[in-house]
C-alpha atoms as a PDB file:
ATOM      1  CA  MET A   1     111.804  80.383  75.761  1.00  0.00           C
ATOM      2  CA  GLU A   2     111.693  77.647  78.478  1.00  0.00           C
ATOM      3  CA  GLN A   3     114.311  79.130  80.477  1.00  0.00           C
ATOM      4  CA  LEU A   4     112.030  82.682  80.437  1.00  0.00           C
ATOM      5  CA  ASP A   5     109.235  80.567  81.481  1.00  0.00           C
ATOM      6  CA  SER A   6     111.231  78.869  84.281  1.00  0.00           C
ATOM      7  CA  ILE A   7     111.964  82.381  85.615  1.00  0.00           C
ATOM      8  CA  ILE A   8     108.535  83.332  85.897  1.00  0.00           C
ATOM      9  CA  THR A   9     107.183  80.373  87.185  1.00  0.00           C
ATOM     10  CA  MET A  10     109.928  80.742  90.081  1.00  0.00           C
ATOM     11  CA  VAL A  11     108.920  84.741  90.542  1.00  0.00           C
ATOM     12  CA  ALA A  12     105.212  83.788  90.172  1.00  0.00           C
ATOM     13  CA  LEU A  13     105.679  81.091  92.976  1.00  0.00           C
ATOM     14  CA  THR A  14     107.881  83.278  95.165  1.00  0.00           C
ATOM     15  CA  MET A  15     105.237  86.099  95.084  1.00  0.00           C
ATOM     16  CA  GLY A  16     102.290  84.326  95.360  1.00  0.00           C
ATOM     17  CA  VAL A  17     103.264  82.080  98.605  1.00  0.00           C
ATOM     18  CA  GLY A  18     104.183  85.511 100.267  1.00  0.00           C
ATOM     19  CA  TRP A  19     100.887  86.811  99.011  1.00  0.00           C
ATOM     20  CA  ALA A  20      98.981  84.006 100.033  1.00  0.00           C
ATOM     21  CA  SER A  21     100.565  83.700 103.174  1.00  0.00           C
ATOM     22  CA  GLY A  22      99.581  87.478 104.486  1.00  0.00           C
ATOM     23  CA  ILE A  23      95.800  86.058 104.155  1.00  0.00           C
ATOM     24  CA  ASN A  24      95.888  82.612 105.116  1.00  0.00           C
ATOM     25  CA  LEU A  25      99.234  80.955 105.971  1.00  0.00           C
ATOM     26  CA  TYR A  26      98.048  77.725 107.033  1.00  0.00           C
ATOM     27  CA  ALA A  27      96.144  77.099 103.593  1.00  0.00           C
ATOM     28  CA  THR A  28      99.295  77.946 101.696  1.00  0.00           C
ATOM     29  CA  LEU A  29     101.387  75.620 103.639  1.00  0.00           C
ATOM     30  CA  LEU A  30      98.429  72.764 103.400  1.00  0.00           C
ATOM     31  CA  MET A  31      98.157  73.253  99.871  1.00  0.00           C
ATOM     32  CA  LEU A  32     101.710  73.077  99.211  1.00  0.00           C
ATOM     33  CA  GLY A  33     102.478  70.376 101.026  1.00  0.00           C
ATOM     34  CA  PHE A  34      99.516  67.938  99.796  1.00  0.00           C
ATOM     35  CA  MET A  35      99.913  68.773  96.113  1.00  0.00           C
ATOM     36  CA  ALA A  36     103.788  68.277  96.569  1.00  0.00           C
ATOM     37  CA  ASN A  37     103.063  65.025  98.681  1.00  0.00           C
ATOM     38  CA  THR A  38     100.603  63.705  95.906  1.00  0.00           C
ATOM     39  CA  GLY A  39     103.172  64.533  92.955  1.00  0.00           C
ATOM     40  CA  ASN A  40     101.364  67.367  91.417  1.00  0.00           C
ATOM     41  CA  ILE A  41     104.277  69.898  91.698  1.00  0.00           C
ATOM     42  CA  ASP A  42     107.696  69.637  92.270  1.00  0.00           C
ATOM     43  CA  LEU A  43     108.461  72.025  95.009  1.00  0.00           C
ATOM     44  CA  PRO A  44     112.253  73.628  95.380  1.00  0.00           C
ATOM     45  CA  PRO A  45     114.759  71.994  97.704  1.00  0.00           C
ATOM     46  CA  ASP A  46     114.211  74.572 100.705  1.00  0.00           C
ATOM     47  CA  LEU A  47     110.304  73.961 100.400  1.00  0.00           C
ATOM     48  CA  GLN A  48     110.204  70.616 100.232  1.00  0.00           C
ATOM     49  CA  VAL A  49     109.809  70.015 104.033  1.00  0.00           C
ATOM     50  CA  LEU A  50     106.171  70.752 103.416  1.00  0.00           C
ATOM     51  CA  ALA A  51     105.369  67.856 101.818  1.00  0.00           C
ATOM     52  CA  ASN A  52     106.437  65.780 105.163  1.00  0.00           C
ATOM     53  CA  PRO A  53     103.198  64.464 106.344  1.00  0.00           C
ATOM     54  CA  MET A  54     103.745  66.181 109.977  1.00  0.00           C
ATOM     55  CA  VAL A  55     103.705  69.267 108.488  1.00  0.00           C
ATOM     56  CA  ILE A  56     100.899  68.785 106.580  1.00  0.00           C
ATOM     57  CA  SER A  57      98.732  67.473 109.310  1.00  0.00           C
ATOM     58  CA  ALA A  58     100.013  70.359 111.601  1.00  0.00           C
ATOM     59  CA  ALA A  59      98.966  72.748 108.656  1.00  0.00           C
ATOM     60  CA  ALA A  60      95.731  71.257 108.282  1.00  0.00           C
ATOM     61  CA  LEU A  61      94.967  71.405 112.170  1.00  0.00           C
ATOM     62  CA  MET A  62      95.906  75.028 112.402  1.00  0.00           C
ATOM     63  CA  TYR A  63      93.471  75.891 109.378  1.00  0.00           C
ATOM     64  CA  ALA A  64      90.810  74.134 111.200  1.00  0.00           C
ATOM     65  CA  VAL A  65      91.148  76.243 113.935  1.00  0.00           C
ATOM     66  CA  GLU A  66      91.778  79.367 111.494  1.00  0.00           C
ATOM     67  CA  PHE A  67      88.176  78.522 109.682  1.00  0.00           C
ATOM     68  CA  PHE A  68      86.199  78.633 112.306  1.00  0.00           C
ATOM     69  CA  ALA A  69      87.993  81.790 114.585  1.00  0.00           C
ATOM     70  CA  ASP A  70      88.328  83.822 111.455  1.00  0.00           C
ATOM     71  CA  LYS A  71      84.334  83.594 110.950  1.00  0.00           C
ATOM     72  CA  VAL A  72      83.598  84.893 114.496  1.00  0.00           C
ATOM     73  CA  PRO A  73      83.144  88.724 114.557  1.00  0.00           C
ATOM     74  CA  GLY A  74      85.679  90.230 116.850  1.00  0.00           C
ATOM     75  CA  VAL A  75      87.821  86.793 117.482  1.00  0.00           C
ATOM     76  CA  ASP A  76      88.918  87.121 113.613  1.00  0.00           C
ATOM     77  CA  SER A  77      90.425  90.606 114.324  1.00  0.00           C
ATOM     78  CA  GLY A  78      91.919  89.462 117.285  1.00  0.00           C
ATOM     79  CA  TRP A  79      93.251  86.335 115.371  1.00  0.00           C
ATOM     80  CA  ASP A  80      95.022  88.415 112.617  1.00  0.00           C
ATOM     81  CA  ALA A  81      96.722  91.079 115.363  1.00  0.00           C
ATOM     82  CA  LEU A  82      98.248  87.946 116.469  1.00  0.00           C
ATOM     83  CA  HIS A  83      99.100  86.772 113.249  1.00  0.00           C
ATOM     84  CA  THR A  84     100.824  90.028 111.795  1.00  0.00           C
ATOM     85  CA  PHE A  85     103.856  88.654 114.049  1.00  0.00           C
ATOM     86  CA  ILE A  86     103.667  84.922 112.074  1.00  0.00           C
ATOM     87  CA  ARG A  87     102.024  85.498 108.816  1.00  0.00           C
ATOM     88  CA  ILE A  88     104.858  88.254 107.543  1.00  0.00           C
ATOM     89  CA  PRO A  89     107.560  86.819 108.626  1.00  0.00           C
ATOM     90  CA  ALA A  90     106.902  83.028 106.859  1.00  0.00           C
ATOM     91  CA  GLY A  91     105.706  84.738 103.811  1.00  0.00           C
ATOM     92  CA  ALA A  92     109.205  86.312 103.852  1.00  0.00           C
ATOM     93  CA  ALA A  93     110.364  82.794 104.528  1.00  0.00           C
ATOM     94  CA  LEU A  94     108.815  80.856 101.929  1.00  0.00           C
ATOM     95  CA  ALA A  95     109.482  83.276  99.269  1.00  0.00           C
ATOM     96  CA  ALA A  96     113.319  82.796 100.057  1.00  0.00           C
ATOM     97  CA  GLY A  97     112.727  79.144  99.895  1.00  0.00           C
ATOM     98  CA  ALA A  98     110.911  79.338  96.676  1.00  0.00           C
ATOM     99  CA  VAL A  99     113.632  80.585  94.217  1.00  0.00           C
ATOM    100  CA  GLY A 100     115.551  77.459  95.032  1.00  0.00           C
ATOM    101  CA  ASP A 101     119.315  77.241  95.084  1.00  0.00           C
ATOM    102  CA  VAL A 102     120.971  80.505  94.444  1.00  0.00           C
ATOM    103  CA  SER A 103     122.929  83.217  95.657  1.00  0.00           C
ATOM    104  CA  GLY A 104     122.264  84.744  99.317  1.00  0.00           C
ATOM    105  CA  SER A 105     121.652  88.296  97.501  1.00  0.00           C
ATOM    106  CA  VAL A 106     118.757  86.638  95.356  1.00  0.00           C
ATOM    107  CA  GLU A 107     116.878  85.023  98.435  1.00  0.00           C
ATOM    108  CA  LEU A 108     117.329  88.249 100.438  1.00  0.00           C
ATOM    109  CA  ALA A 109     115.438  89.984  97.575  1.00  0.00           C
ATOM    110  CA  ALA A 110     113.116  87.244  97.511  1.00  0.00           C
ATOM    111  CA  ALA A 111     112.450  87.196 101.234  1.00  0.00           C
ATOM    112  CA  ILE A 112     111.818  90.985 100.729  1.00  0.00           C
ATOM    113  CA  VAL A 113     109.346  90.691  98.270  1.00  0.00           C
ATOM    114  CA  GLY A 114     107.888  88.355  99.790  1.00  0.00           C
ATOM    115  CA  GLY A 115     107.567  89.675 103.267  1.00  0.00           C
ATOM    116  CA  GLY A 116     106.399  93.133 101.549  1.00  0.00           C
ATOM    117  CA  LEU A 117     103.421  91.302  99.915  1.00  0.00           C
ATOM    118  CA  ALA A 118     102.446  89.285 103.080  1.00  0.00           C
ATOM    119  CA  ALA A 119     102.513  92.601 104.823  1.00  0.00           C
ATOM    120  CA  SER A 120     100.178  94.332 102.346  1.00  0.00           C
ATOM    121  CA  SER A 121      97.979  91.538 101.863  1.00  0.00           C
ATOM    122  CA  HIS A 122      97.537  90.849 105.444  1.00  0.00           C
ATOM    123  CA  ALA A 123      97.013  94.687 106.132  1.00  0.00           C
ATOM    124  CA  VAL A 124      94.190  94.563 103.439  1.00  0.00           C
ATOM    125  CA  LYS A 125      92.697  91.216 105.444  1.00  0.00           C
ATOM    126  CA  ALA A 126      93.178  92.558 108.690  1.00  0.00           C
ATOM    127  CA  GLY A 127      91.603  96.453 108.190  1.00  0.00           C
ATOM    128  CA  GLY A 128      89.101  95.417 106.039  1.00  0.00           C
ATOM    129  CA  ARG A 129      87.688  92.932 108.719  1.00  0.00           C
ATOM    130  CA  VAL A 130      87.770  95.958 111.469  1.00  0.00           C
ATOM    131  CA  MET A 131      85.614  97.690 108.846  1.00  0.00           C
ATOM    132  CA  ILE A 132      83.362  94.760 108.403  1.00  0.00           C
ATOM    133  CA  ASN A 133      82.909  93.882 112.223  1.00  0.00           C
ATOM    134  CA  THR A 134      80.851  97.368 112.449  1.00  0.00           C
ATOM    135  CA  SER A 135      78.152  95.728 110.674  1.00  0.00           C
ATOM    136  CA  PRO A 136      75.547  93.732 113.189  1.00  0.00           C
ATOM    137  CA  GLU A 137      75.193  90.459 110.721  1.00  0.00           C
ATOM    138  CA  PRO A 138      77.492  88.059 110.590  1.00  0.00           C
ATOM    139  CA  PHE A 139      76.971  87.193 107.451  1.00  0.00           C
ATOM    140  CA  THR A 140      79.297  89.238 105.594  1.00  0.00           C
ATOM    141  CA  ASN A 141      81.949  88.401 108.123  1.00  0.00           C
ATOM    142  CA  TRP A 142      81.616  84.946 106.860  1.00  0.00           C
ATOM    143  CA  PHE A 143      81.168  85.663 103.441  1.00  0.00           C
ATOM    144  CA  ALA A 144      84.820  87.375 103.622  1.00  0.00           C
ATOM    145  CA  SER A 145      86.438  84.923 105.370  1.00  0.00           C
ATOM    146  CA  LEU A 146      85.477  82.014 102.587  1.00  0.00           C
ATOM    147  CA  GLY A 147      85.945  84.362  99.644  1.00  0.00           C
ATOM    148  CA  GLU A 148      89.528  84.806 101.153  1.00  0.00           C
ATOM    149  CA  ASP A 149      90.173  81.019 101.662  1.00  0.00           C
ATOM    150  CA  VAL A 150      89.051  80.431  97.929  1.00  0.00           C
ATOM    151  CA  ALA A 151      91.288  83.327  96.669  1.00  0.00           C
ATOM    152  CA  VAL A 152      94.295  81.816  98.310  1.00  0.00           C
ATOM    153  CA  ILE A 153      93.735  78.006  97.222  1.00  0.00           C
ATOM    154  CA  ALA A 154      93.117  79.772  93.788  1.00  0.00           C
ATOM    155  CA  GLY A 155      95.779  81.876  93.860  1.00  0.00           C
ATOM    156  CA  VAL A 156      98.368  79.688  94.632  1.00  0.00           C
ATOM    157  CA  TRP A 157      96.757  77.189  92.016  1.00  0.00           C
ATOM    158  CA  ALA A 158      97.359  79.460  89.503  1.00  0.00           C
ATOM    159  CA  ALA A 159     100.791  80.611  90.563  1.00  0.00           C
ATOM    160  CA  LEU A 160     101.702  76.962  90.163  1.00  0.00           C
ATOM    161  CA  ASN A 161     100.176  76.430  86.796  1.00  0.00           C
ATOM    162  CA  HIS A 162      99.652  79.644  85.277  1.00  0.00           C
ATOM    163  CA  PRO A 163     102.001  82.191  86.482  1.00  0.00           C
ATOM    164  CA  TYR A 164     101.158  84.508  83.928  1.00  0.00           C
ATOM    165  CA  VAL A 165      97.778  85.174  84.434  1.00  0.00           C
ATOM    166  CA  PHE A 166      98.838  84.789  88.147  1.00  0.00           C
ATOM    167  CA  LEU A 167     101.060  87.913  87.801  1.00  0.00           C
ATOM    168  CA  ALA A 168      98.655  89.884  85.853  1.00  0.00           C
ATOM    169  CA  GLY A 169      96.320  89.370  88.969  1.00  0.00           C
ATOM    170  CA  LEU A 170      98.933  90.608  91.355  1.00  0.00           C
ATOM    171  CA  LEU A 171      99.707  93.820  89.531  1.00  0.00           C
ATOM    172  CA  LEU A 172      95.351  94.366  89.969  1.00  0.00           C
ATOM    173  CA  PHE A 173      96.026  93.151  93.293  1.00  0.00           C
ATOM    174  CA  ILE A 174      98.916  95.984  94.094  1.00  0.00           C
ATOM    175  CA  LEU A 175      96.710  98.870  92.069  1.00  0.00           C
ATOM    176  CA  LEU A 176      93.532  97.898  94.212  1.00  0.00           C
ATOM    177  CA  LEU A 177      96.179  98.128  97.282  1.00  0.00           C
ATOM    178  CA  ILE A 178      97.261 102.040  96.409  1.00  0.00           C
ATOM    179  CA  TRP A 179      93.671 102.807  96.102  1.00  0.00           C
ATOM    180  CA  LEU A 180      92.104 100.882  99.107  1.00  0.00           C
ATOM    181  CA  LEU A 181      94.856 101.115 101.872  1.00  0.00           C
ATOM    182  CA  PRO A 182      94.424 104.885 102.798  1.00  0.00           C
ATOM    183  CA  LYS A 183      90.429 104.070 102.970  1.00  0.00           C
ATOM    184  CA  ILE A 184      90.969 101.305 105.284  1.00  0.00           C
ATOM    185  CA  ALA A 185      93.029 103.408 107.540  1.00  0.00           C
ATOM    186  CA  ARG A 186      90.380 106.468 107.299  1.00  0.00           C
ATOM    187  CA  GLY A 187      88.063 103.814 108.554  1.00  0.00           C
ATOM    188  CA  ILE A 188      90.172 102.108 111.108  1.00  0.00           C
ATOM    189  CA  ALA A 189      90.782 105.121 112.685  1.00  0.00           C
ATOM    190  CA  ARG A 190      87.098 105.940 113.145  1.00  0.00           C
ATOM    191  CA  VAL A 191      86.299 102.892 114.528  1.00  0.00           C
ATOM    192  CA  PHE A 192      88.801 103.549 116.985  1.00  0.00           C
ATOM    193  CA  GLY A 193      87.625 106.944 117.745  1.00  0.00           C
ATOM    194  CA  PHE A 194      84.398 105.580 118.478  1.00  0.00           C
ATOM    195  CA  LEU A 195      85.814 103.200 121.096  1.00  0.00           C
ATOM    196  CA  LEU A 196      87.342 105.377 122.805  1.00  0.00           C
ATOM    197  CA  ARG A 197      84.714 107.554 122.819  1.00  0.00           C
ATOM    198  CA  PHE A 198      82.461 104.727 124.057  1.00  0.00           C
ATOM    199  CA  PHE A 199      85.119 103.957 126.915  1.00  0.00           C
ATOM    200  CA  ARG A 200      85.414 107.719 127.809  1.00  0.00           C
ATOM    201  CA  SER A 201      81.399 107.872 127.881  1.00  0.00           C
ATOM    202  CA  GLU A 202      81.311 110.697 125.468  1.00  0.00           C
ATOM    203  CA  LYS A 203      77.851 111.019 123.451  1.00  0.00           C
ATOM    204  CA  PRO A 204      76.236 110.722 121.162  1.00  0.00           C
ATOM    205  CA  LEU A 205      77.418 107.042 120.419  1.00  0.00           C
ATOM    206  CA  VAL A 206      74.566 105.770 118.539  1.00  0.00           C
ATOM    207  CA  ASP A 207      74.935 108.555 115.541  1.00  0.00           C
ATOM    208  CA  ASP A 208      78.767 107.702 115.896  1.00  0.00           C
ATOM    209  CA  TYR A 209      78.016 103.904 115.288  1.00  0.00           C
ATOM    210  CA  ARG A 210      75.488 104.663 112.262  1.00  0.00           C
ATOM    211  CA  LYS A 211      78.372 106.831 110.617  1.00  0.00           C
ATOM    212  CA  ILE A 212      81.230 104.061 110.831  1.00  0.00           C
ATOM    213  CA  SER A 213      78.455 101.642 109.562  1.00  0.00           C
ATOM    214  CA  SER A 214      77.042 103.710 106.867  1.00  0.00           C
ATOM    215  CA  GLY A 215      80.498 105.144 105.782  1.00  0.00           C
ATOM    216  CA  SER A 216      78.771 108.518 105.519  1.00  0.00           C
ATOM    217  CA  ASP A 217      77.986 111.709 107.970  1.00  0.00           C
ATOM    218  CA  LYS A 218      74.884 113.010 108.659  1.00  0.00           C
ATOM    219  CA  GLY A 219      74.728 115.171 105.443  1.00  0.00           C
ATOM    220  CA  GLY A 220      75.000 112.137 103.563  1.00  0.00           C
ATOM    221  CA  LYS A 221      78.451 112.750 102.496  1.00  0.00           C
ATOM    222  CA  PRO A 222      80.837 109.718 102.201  1.00  0.00           C
ATOM    223  CA  LEU A 223      83.718 109.515 104.946  1.00  0.00           C
ATOM    224  CA  THR A 224      86.335 109.095 102.713  1.00  0.00           C
END
């Protein structure tokens, strides 16, 4: 039973760091480093570098930058686009390091799973922000950003302290992902279609914007 718990804990940490990195990489690094540096957790050998004060300081600085950039409509989407090339590889690397000193095939499998989860959570975050940014008010954006920060911190904490609970929550996230991604993709297509017509000066742009913001067509039919 103890061996099973150890395996479940490792799996939860592997999946947790991959999933969290896709949403907020710097918050993930900061939390892992802080908890390890204060003796609250024992990181696998390949992740112990995260407890280095220089790494913690760098993660804290970048988290502070992202905290503000992530709450400015438009800037957040540009930030997400740039971090497509950072969050996903980092999630794969952290997941591979989380499995500890094992065979290369296990590390590769962990990297694939971690990278896949990072890509999935990043896609939901970035795609959702594109849709939110069609709203003229900033408060939805702020609430979404704060909610993502809380989700990352709570998720990493749960993966470390309550792995069974985290894995159950991750399963729900995957099911939600299957349902949500096609809707986000269609929404993004509408947004970029509107932008293309805007730059071509096509009309009526006001009606198009209202449809994007409300999620329905002129007859009230949902655009899904």
